[in-house]
Amino acid sequence: MVKDYIKIFSGNLIIAGRIKEELRLIGIMPVVRDESESGRLAGFASPMQGVQEIYVQPTEVDKAKPIVDQLLASFNAEL
């Protein structure tokens, strides 16, 4: 399924949560991949704790990418 989507973000689950909400506000329903949660549910440990990947459909990349870039810039400015 992920092969039909394009990854627009990979990183901290808190930032990923904010990105997901902003995308939903403009009508984009992102797909979130969380290896640590998938491993936990299957009974395995994952070395990538707290990292999520966000994917969108190819037709939504042009709308989604500026939002991701803007949020990442605002988070970096706060640091």
PDB file of N, CA and C in Angstrom:
ATOM      1  N   MET A   1       0.816  -1.191   0.000  1.00  0.00           N
ATOM      2  CA  MET A   1       0.000   0.000   0.000  1.00  0.00           C
ATOM      3  C   MET A   1       0.863   1.258   0.000  1.00  0.00           C
ATOM      4  N   VAL A   2       1.929   1.280   0.805  1.00  0.00           N
ATOM      5  CA  VAL A   2       2.759   2.471   0.905  1.00  0.00           C
ATOM      6  C   VAL A   2       3.410   2.794  -0.435  1.00  0.00           C
ATOM      7  N   LYS A   3       3.589   1.796  -1.287  1.00  0.00           N
ATOM      8  CA  LYS A   3       4.210   2.053  -2.586  1.00  0.00           C
ATOM      9  C   LYS A   3       3.364   2.978  -3.460  1.00  0.00           C
ATOM     10  N   ASP A   4       2.075   3.056  -3.193  1.00  0.00           N
ATOM     11  CA  ASP A   4       1.189   3.938  -3.946  1.00  0.00           C
ATOM     12  C   ASP A   4       1.136   5.347  -3.367  1.00  0.00           C
ATOM     13  N   TYR A   5       1.870   5.577  -2.293  1.00  0.00           N
ATOM     14  CA  TYR A   5       1.888   6.868  -1.613  1.00  0.00           C
ATOM     15  C   TYR A   5       3.303   7.427  -1.615  1.00  0.00           C
ATOM     16  N   ILE A   6       3.411   8.704  -1.277  1.00  0.00           N
ATOM     17  CA  ILE A   6       4.711   9.365  -1.223  1.00  0.00           C
ATOM     18  C   ILE A   6       4.967   9.839   0.203  1.00  0.00           C
ATOM     19  N   LYS A   7       6.156   9.517   0.710  1.00  0.00           N
ATOM     20  CA  LYS A   7       6.518   9.932   2.071  1.00  0.00           C
ATOM     21  C   LYS A   7       6.855  11.415   2.062  1.00  0.00           C
ATOM     22  N   ILE A   8       6.204  12.156   2.968  1.00  0.00           N
ATOM     23  CA  ILE A   8       6.470  13.590   3.061  1.00  0.00           C
ATOM     24  C   ILE A   8       7.116  13.969   4.386  1.00  0.00           C
ATOM     25  N   PHE A   9       7.162  13.025   5.334  1.00  0.00           N
ATOM     26  CA  PHE A   9       7.772  13.327   6.631  1.00  0.00           C
ATOM     27  C   PHE A   9       8.175  12.035   7.311  1.00  0.00           C
ATOM     28  N   SER A  10       9.277  12.105   8.044  1.00  0.00           N
ATOM     29  CA  SER A  10       9.711  11.029   8.906  1.00  0.00           C
ATOM     30  C   SER A  10      10.379  11.667  10.108  1.00  0.00           C
ATOM     31  N   GLY A  11       9.879  11.348  11.301  1.00  0.00           N
ATOM     32  CA  GLY A  11      10.490  11.929  12.477  1.00  0.00           C
ATOM     33  C   GLY A  11       9.644  11.781  13.727  1.00  0.00           C
ATOM     34  N   ASN A  12       9.884  12.659  14.649  1.00  0.00           N
ATOM     35  CA  ASN A  12       9.284  12.694  15.971  1.00  0.00           C
ATOM     36  C   ASN A  12       7.762  12.569  15.917  1.00  0.00           C
ATOM     37  N   LEU A  13       7.204  11.726  16.798  1.00  0.00           N
ATOM     38  CA  LEU A  13       5.763  11.502  16.779  1.00  0.00           C
ATOM     39  C   LEU A  13       4.958  12.732  17.189  1.00  0.00           C
ATOM     40  N   ILE A  14       5.529  13.625  17.956  1.00  0.00           N
ATOM     41  CA  ILE A  14       4.810  14.845  18.346  1.00  0.00           C
ATOM     42  C   ILE A  14       4.675  15.776  17.146  1.00  0.00           C
ATOM     43  N   ILE A  15       5.745  15.957  16.415  1.00  0.00           N
ATOM     44  CA  ILE A  15       5.681  16.777  15.210  1.00  0.00           C
ATOM     45  C   ILE A  15       4.784  16.107  14.175  1.00  0.00           C
ATOM     46  N   ALA A  16       4.889  14.791  14.067  1.00  0.00           N
ATOM     47  CA  ALA A  16       4.039  14.050  13.126  1.00  0.00           C
ATOM     48  C   ALA A  16       2.565  14.257  13.451  1.00  0.00           C
ATOM     49  N   GLY A  17       2.231  14.267  14.724  1.00  0.00           N
ATOM     50  CA  GLY A  17       0.838  14.495  15.129  1.00  0.00           C
ATOM     51  C   GLY A  17       0.339  15.857  14.695  1.00  0.00           C
ATOM     52  N   ARG A  18       1.175  16.856  14.830  1.00  0.00           N
ATOM     53  CA  ARG A  18       0.790  18.210  14.410  1.00  0.00           C
ATOM     54  C   ARG A  18       0.609  18.275  12.895  1.00  0.00           C
ATOM     55  N   ILE A  19       1.510  17.631  12.171  1.00  0.00           N
ATOM     56  CA  ILE A  19       1.410  17.610  10.708  1.00  0.00           C
ATOM     57  C   ILE A  19       0.128  16.899  10.275  1.00  0.00           C
ATOM     58  N   LYS A  20      -0.180  15.764  10.905  1.00  0.00           N
ATOM     59  CA  LYS A  20      -1.402  15.036  10.568  1.00  0.00           C
ATOM     60  C   LYS A  20      -2.628  15.911  10.744  1.00  0.00           C
ATOM     61  N   GLU A  21      -2.695  16.617  11.853  1.00  0.00           N
ATOM     62  CA  GLU A  21      -3.861  17.471  12.106  1.00  0.00           C
ATOM     63  C   GLU A  21      -3.979  18.597  11.089  1.00  0.00           C
ATOM     64  N   GLU A  22      -2.865  19.227  10.763  1.00  0.00           N
ATOM     65  CA  GLU A  22      -2.893  20.310   9.778  1.00  0.00           C
ATOM     66  C   GLU A  22      -3.313  19.795   8.403  1.00  0.00           C
ATOM     67  N   LEU A  23      -2.855  18.610   8.037  1.00  0.00           N
ATOM     68  CA  LEU A  23      -3.255  18.039   6.750  1.00  0.00           C
ATOM     69  C   LEU A  23      -4.741  17.710   6.732  1.00  0.00           C
ATOM     70  N   ARG A  24      -5.236  17.191   7.831  1.00  0.00           N
ATOM     71  CA  ARG A  24      -6.670  16.861   7.902  1.00  0.00           C
ATOM     72  C   ARG A  24      -7.533  18.111   7.797  1.00  0.00           C
ATOM     73  N   LEU A  25      -7.044  19.223   8.311  1.00  0.00           N
ATOM     74  CA  LEU A  25      -7.805  20.474   8.225  1.00  0.00           C
ATOM     75  C   LEU A  25      -8.016  20.933   6.787  1.00  0.00           C
ATOM     76  N   ILE A  26      -7.118  20.550   5.888  1.00  0.00           N
ATOM     77  CA  ILE A  26      -7.281  20.946   4.488  1.00  0.00           C
ATOM     78  C   ILE A  26      -7.804  19.797   3.626  1.00  0.00           C
ATOM     79  N   GLY A  27      -8.288  18.739   4.289  1.00  0.00           N
ATOM     80  CA  GLY A  27      -8.930  17.656   3.570  1.00  0.00           C
ATOM     81  C   GLY A  27      -8.031  16.528   3.102  1.00  0.00           C
ATOM     82  N   ILE A  28      -6.796  16.481   3.593  1.00  0.00           N
ATOM     83  CA  ILE A  28      -5.874  15.400   3.228  1.00  0.00           C
ATOM     84  C   ILE A  28      -5.863  14.389   4.370  1.00  0.00           C
ATOM     85  N   MET A  29      -6.112  13.131   4.028  1.00  0.00           N
ATOM     86  CA  MET A  29      -6.087  12.062   5.026  1.00  0.00           C
ATOM     87  C   MET A  29      -4.778  11.290   4.867  1.00  0.00           C
ATOM     88  N   PRO A  30      -3.765  11.623   5.669  1.00  0.00           N
ATOM     89  CA  PRO A  30      -2.459  10.978   5.520  1.00  0.00           C
ATOM     90  C   PRO A  30      -2.459   9.546   6.052  1.00  0.00           C
ATOM     91  N   VAL A  31      -1.533   8.767   5.554  1.00  0.00           N
ATOM     92  CA  VAL A  31      -1.284   7.418   6.067  1.00  0.00           C
ATOM     93  C   VAL A  31      -0.068   7.524   6.967  1.00  0.00           C
ATOM     94  N   VAL A  32      -0.192   7.012   8.183  1.00  0.00           N
ATOM     95  CA  VAL A  32       0.904   7.091   9.151  1.00  0.00           C
ATOM     96  C   VAL A  32       1.458   5.696   9.384  1.00  0.00           C
ATOM     97  N   ARG A  33       2.762   5.599   9.291  1.00  0.00           N
ATOM     98  CA  ARG A  33       3.447   4.333   9.533  1.00  0.00           C
ATOM     99  C   ARG A  33       4.302   4.491  10.773  1.00  0.00           C
ATOM    100  N   ASP A  34       4.094   3.613  11.733  1.00  0.00           N
ATOM    101  CA  ASP A  34       4.817   3.657  13.002  1.00  0.00           C
ATOM    102  C   ASP A  34       5.390   2.269  13.266  1.00  0.00           C
ATOM    103  N   GLU A  35       6.666   2.095  12.945  1.00  0.00           N
ATOM    104  CA  GLU A  35       7.315   0.789  13.090  1.00  0.00           C
ATOM    105  C   GLU A  35       7.319   0.306  14.535  1.00  0.00           C
ATOM    106  N   SER A  36       7.523   1.209  15.488  1.00  0.00           N
ATOM    107  CA  SER A  36       7.588   0.778  16.886  1.00  0.00           C
ATOM    108  C   SER A  36       6.231   0.277  17.357  1.00  0.00           C
ATOM    109  N   GLU A  37       5.166   0.930  16.951  1.00  0.00           N
ATOM    110  CA  GLU A  37       3.824   0.490  17.348  1.00  0.00           C
ATOM    111  C   GLU A  37       3.466  -0.825  16.667  1.00  0.00           C
ATOM    112  N   SER A  38       3.817  -0.967  15.404  1.00  0.00           N
ATOM    113  CA  SER A  38       3.555  -2.217  14.694  1.00  0.00           C
ATOM    114  C   SER A  38       4.310  -3.370  15.349  1.00  0.00           C
ATOM    115  N   GLY A  39       5.546  -3.117  15.714  1.00  0.00           N
ATOM    116  CA  GLY A  39       6.339  -4.144  16.382  1.00  0.00           C
ATOM    117  C   GLY A  39       5.784  -4.494  17.744  1.00  0.00           C
ATOM    118  N   ARG A  40       5.362  -3.496  18.479  1.00  0.00           N
ATOM    119  CA  ARG A  40       4.794  -3.734  19.807  1.00  0.00           C
ATOM    120  C   ARG A  40       3.547  -4.597  19.710  1.00  0.00           C
ATOM    121  N   LEU A  41       2.690  -4.282  18.752  1.00  0.00           N
ATOM    122  CA  LEU A  41       1.466  -5.053  18.587  1.00  0.00           C
ATOM    123  C   LEU A  41       1.752  -6.497  18.172  1.00  0.00           C
ATOM    124  N   ALA A  42       2.842  -6.708  17.456  1.00  0.00           N
ATOM    125  CA  ALA A  42       3.212  -8.051  17.014  1.00  0.00           C
ATOM    126  C   ALA A  42       4.052  -8.789  18.057  1.00  0.00           C
ATOM    127  N   GLY A  43       4.463  -8.083  19.114  1.00  0.00           N
ATOM    128  CA  GLY A  43       5.251  -8.709  20.161  1.00  0.00           C
ATOM    129  C   GLY A  43       6.746  -8.605  19.968  1.00  0.00           C
ATOM    130  N   PHE A  44       7.185  -7.668  19.128  1.00  0.00           N
ATOM    131  CA  PHE A  44       8.611  -7.476  18.869  1.00  0.00           C
ATOM    132  C   PHE A  44       9.031  -6.070  19.273  1.00  0.00           C
ATOM    133  N   ALA A  45      10.289  -5.936  19.611  1.00  0.00           N
ATOM    134  CA  ALA A  45      10.833  -4.613  19.923  1.00  0.00           C
ATOM    135  C   ALA A  45      11.329  -3.957  18.649  1.00  0.00           C
ATOM    136  N   SER A  46      11.261  -2.634  18.614  1.00  0.00           N
ATOM    137  CA  SER A  46      11.750  -1.894  17.454  1.00  0.00           C
ATOM    138  C   SER A  46      12.835  -0.929  17.901  1.00  0.00           C
ATOM    139  N   PRO A  47      13.912  -0.806  17.140  1.00  0.00           N
ATOM    140  CA  PRO A  47      14.969   0.137  17.514  1.00  0.00           C
ATOM    141  C   PRO A  47      14.584   1.593  17.240  1.00  0.00           C
ATOM    142  N   MET A  48      13.507   1.837  16.515  1.00  0.00           N
ATOM    143  CA  MET A  48      13.105   3.195  16.136  1.00  0.00           C
ATOM    144  C   MET A  48      11.911   3.660  16.970  1.00  0.00           C
ATOM    145  N   GLN A  49      12.102   3.856  18.248  1.00  0.00           N
ATOM    146  CA  GLN A  49      11.022   4.275  19.125  1.00  0.00           C
ATOM    147  C   GLN A  49      10.643   5.728  18.880  1.00  0.00           C
ATOM    148  N   GLY A  50       9.352   5.995  18.734  1.00  0.00           N
ATOM    149  CA  GLY A  50       8.860   7.360  18.611  1.00  0.00           C
ATOM    150  C   GLY A  50       9.029   7.994  17.243  1.00  0.00           C
ATOM    151  N   VAL A  51       9.321   7.203  16.219  1.00  0.00           N
ATOM    152  CA  VAL A  51       9.495   7.745  14.871  1.00  0.00           C
ATOM    153  C   VAL A  51       8.295   7.329  14.023  1.00  0.00           C
ATOM    154  N   GLN A  52       7.691   8.303  13.380  1.00  0.00           N
ATOM    155  CA  GLN A  52       6.566   8.030  12.493  1.00  0.00           C
ATOM    156  C   GLN A  52       6.872   8.558  11.100  1.00  0.00           C
ATOM    157  N   GLU A  53       6.290   7.892  10.117  1.00  0.00           N
ATOM    158  CA  GLU A  53       6.397   8.333   8.737  1.00  0.00           C
ATOM    159  C   GLU A  53       4.996   8.712   8.265  1.00  0.00           C
ATOM    160  N   ILE A  54       4.919   9.813   7.521  1.00  0.00           N
ATOM    161  CA  ILE A  54       3.635  10.272   6.996  1.00  0.00           C
ATOM    162  C   ILE A  54       3.683  10.196   5.478  1.00  0.00           C
ATOM    163  N   TYR A  55       2.660   9.565   4.928  1.00  0.00           N
ATOM    164  CA  TYR A  55       2.534   9.395   3.487  1.00  0.00           C
ATOM    165  C   TYR A  55       1.240  10.030   3.006  1.00  0.00           C
ATOM    166  N   VAL A  56       1.259  10.558   1.784  1.00  0.00           N
ATOM    167  CA  VAL A  56       0.051  11.077   1.147  1.00  0.00           C
ATOM    168  C   VAL A  56      -0.011  10.544  -0.285  1.00  0.00           C
ATOM    169  N   GLN A  57      -1.174  10.672  -0.878  1.00  0.00           N
ATOM    170  CA  GLN A  57      -1.321  10.258  -2.266  1.00  0.00           C
ATOM    171  C   GLN A  57      -0.527  11.198  -3.163  1.00  0.00           C
ATOM    172  N   PRO A  58      -0.036  10.686  -4.292  1.00  0.00           N
ATOM    173  CA  PRO A  58       0.758  11.535  -5.195  1.00  0.00           C
ATOM    174  C   PRO A  58       0.052  12.817  -5.620  1.00  0.00           C
ATOM    175  N   THR A  59      -1.264  12.780  -5.745  1.00  0.00           N
ATOM    176  CA  THR A  59      -2.012  13.975  -6.163  1.00  0.00           C
ATOM    177  C   THR A  59      -2.105  15.025  -5.062  1.00  0.00           C
ATOM    178  N   GLU A  60      -1.750  14.652  -3.825  1.00  0.00           N
ATOM    179  CA  GLU A  60      -1.860  15.576  -2.694  1.00  0.00           C
ATOM    180  C   GLU A  60      -0.522  16.171  -2.263  1.00  0.00           C
ATOM    181  N   VAL A  61       0.559  15.726  -2.865  1.00  0.00           N
ATOM    182  CA  VAL A  61       1.891  16.166  -2.447  1.00  0.00           C
ATOM    183  C   VAL A  61       2.052  17.679  -2.578  1.00  0.00           C
ATOM    184  N   ASP A  62       1.575  18.258  -3.669  1.00  0.00           N
ATOM    185  CA  ASP A  62       1.734  19.700  -3.885  1.00  0.00           C
ATOM    186  C   ASP A  62       1.026  20.531  -2.824  1.00  0.00           C
ATOM    187  N   LYS A  63      -0.061  20.022  -2.254  1.00  0.00           N
ATOM    188  CA  LYS A  63      -0.755  20.732  -1.178  1.00  0.00           C
ATOM    189  C   LYS A  63      -0.143  20.438   0.182  1.00  0.00           C
ATOM    190  N   ALA A  64       0.360  19.224   0.363  1.00  0.00           N
ATOM    191  CA  ALA A  64       0.852  18.793   1.669  1.00  0.00           C
ATOM    192  C   ALA A  64       2.259  19.274   1.979  1.00  0.00           C
ATOM    193  N   LYS A  65       3.129  19.250   1.011  1.00  0.00           N
ATOM    194  CA  LYS A  65       4.547  19.560   1.246  1.00  0.00           C
ATOM    195  C   LYS A  65       4.766  20.966   1.809  1.00  0.00           C
ATOM    196  N   PRO A  66       4.081  22.013   1.295  1.00  0.00           N
ATOM    197  CA  PRO A  66       4.281  23.340   1.891  1.00  0.00           C
ATOM    198  C   PRO A  66       3.865  23.415   3.365  1.00  0.00           C
ATOM    199  N   ILE A  67       2.849  22.655   3.734  1.00  0.00           N
ATOM    200  CA  ILE A  67       2.417  22.648   5.134  1.00  0.00           C
ATOM    201  C   ILE A  67       3.486  22.004   6.006  1.00  0.00           C
ATOM    202  N   VAL A  68       4.047  20.899   5.553  1.00  0.00           N
ATOM    203  CA  VAL A  68       5.114  20.230   6.293  1.00  0.00           C
ATOM    204  C   VAL A  68       6.317  21.155   6.422  1.00  0.00           C
ATOM    205  N   ASP A  69       6.708  21.781   5.329  1.00  0.00           N
ATOM    206  CA  ASP A  69       7.862  22.685   5.354  1.00  0.00           C
ATOM    207  C   ASP A  69       7.638  23.850   6.306  1.00  0.00           C
ATOM    208  N   GLN A  70       6.442  24.412   6.288  1.00  0.00           N
ATOM    209  CA  GLN A  70       6.116  25.542   7.160  1.00  0.00           C
ATOM    210  C   GLN A  70       6.159  25.126   8.637  1.00  0.00           C
ATOM    211  N   LEU A  71       5.569  23.982   8.959  1.00  0.00           N
ATOM    212  CA  LEU A  71       5.585  23.526  10.345  1.00  0.00           C
ATOM    213  C   LEU A  71       6.994  23.199  10.817  1.00  0.00           C
ATOM    214  N   LEU A  72       7.778  22.554   9.978  1.00  0.00           N
ATOM    215  CA  LEU A  72       9.152  22.245  10.367  1.00  0.00           C
ATOM    216  C   LEU A  72       9.976  23.516  10.575  1.00  0.00           C
ATOM    217  N   ALA A  73       9.751  24.508   9.728  1.00  0.00           N
ATOM    218  CA  ALA A  73      10.460  25.786   9.896  1.00  0.00           C
ATOM    219  C   ALA A  73      10.063  26.452  11.201  1.00  0.00           C
ATOM    220  N   SER A  74       8.782  26.395  11.555  1.00  0.00           N
ATOM    221  CA  SER A  74       8.342  27.025  12.798  1.00  0.00           C
ATOM    222  C   SER A  74       8.885  26.269  14.019  1.00  0.00           C
ATOM    223  N   PHE A  75       8.959  24.939  13.943  1.00  0.00           N
ATOM    224  CA  PHE A  75       9.542  24.175  15.048  1.00  0.00           C
ATOM    225  C   PHE A  75      11.031  24.470  15.180  1.00  0.00           C
ATOM    226  N   ASN A  76      11.738  24.569  14.068  1.00  0.00           N
ATOM    227  CA  ASN A  76      13.178  24.871  14.105  1.00  0.00           C
ATOM    228  C   ASN A  76      13.437  26.279  14.614  1.00  0.00           C
ATOM    229  N   ALA A  77      12.557  27.213  14.302  1.00  0.00           N
ATOM    230  CA  ALA A  77      12.720  28.592  14.765  1.00  0.00           C
ATOM    231  C   ALA A  77      12.553  28.672  16.277  1.00  0.00           C
ATOM    232  N   GLU A  78      11.722  27.801  16.849  1.00  0.00           N
ATOM    233  CA  GLU A  78      11.512  27.800  18.290  1.00  0.00           C
ATOM    234  C   GLU A  78      12.695  27.224  19.049  1.00  0.00           C
ATOM    235  N   LEU A  79      13.504  26.421  18.360  1.00  0.00           N
ATOM    236  CA  LEU A  79      14.666  25.813  19.032  1.00  0.00           C
ATOM    237  C   LEU A  79      15.752  26.811  19.083  1.00  0.00           C
TER     238      LEU A  79
END
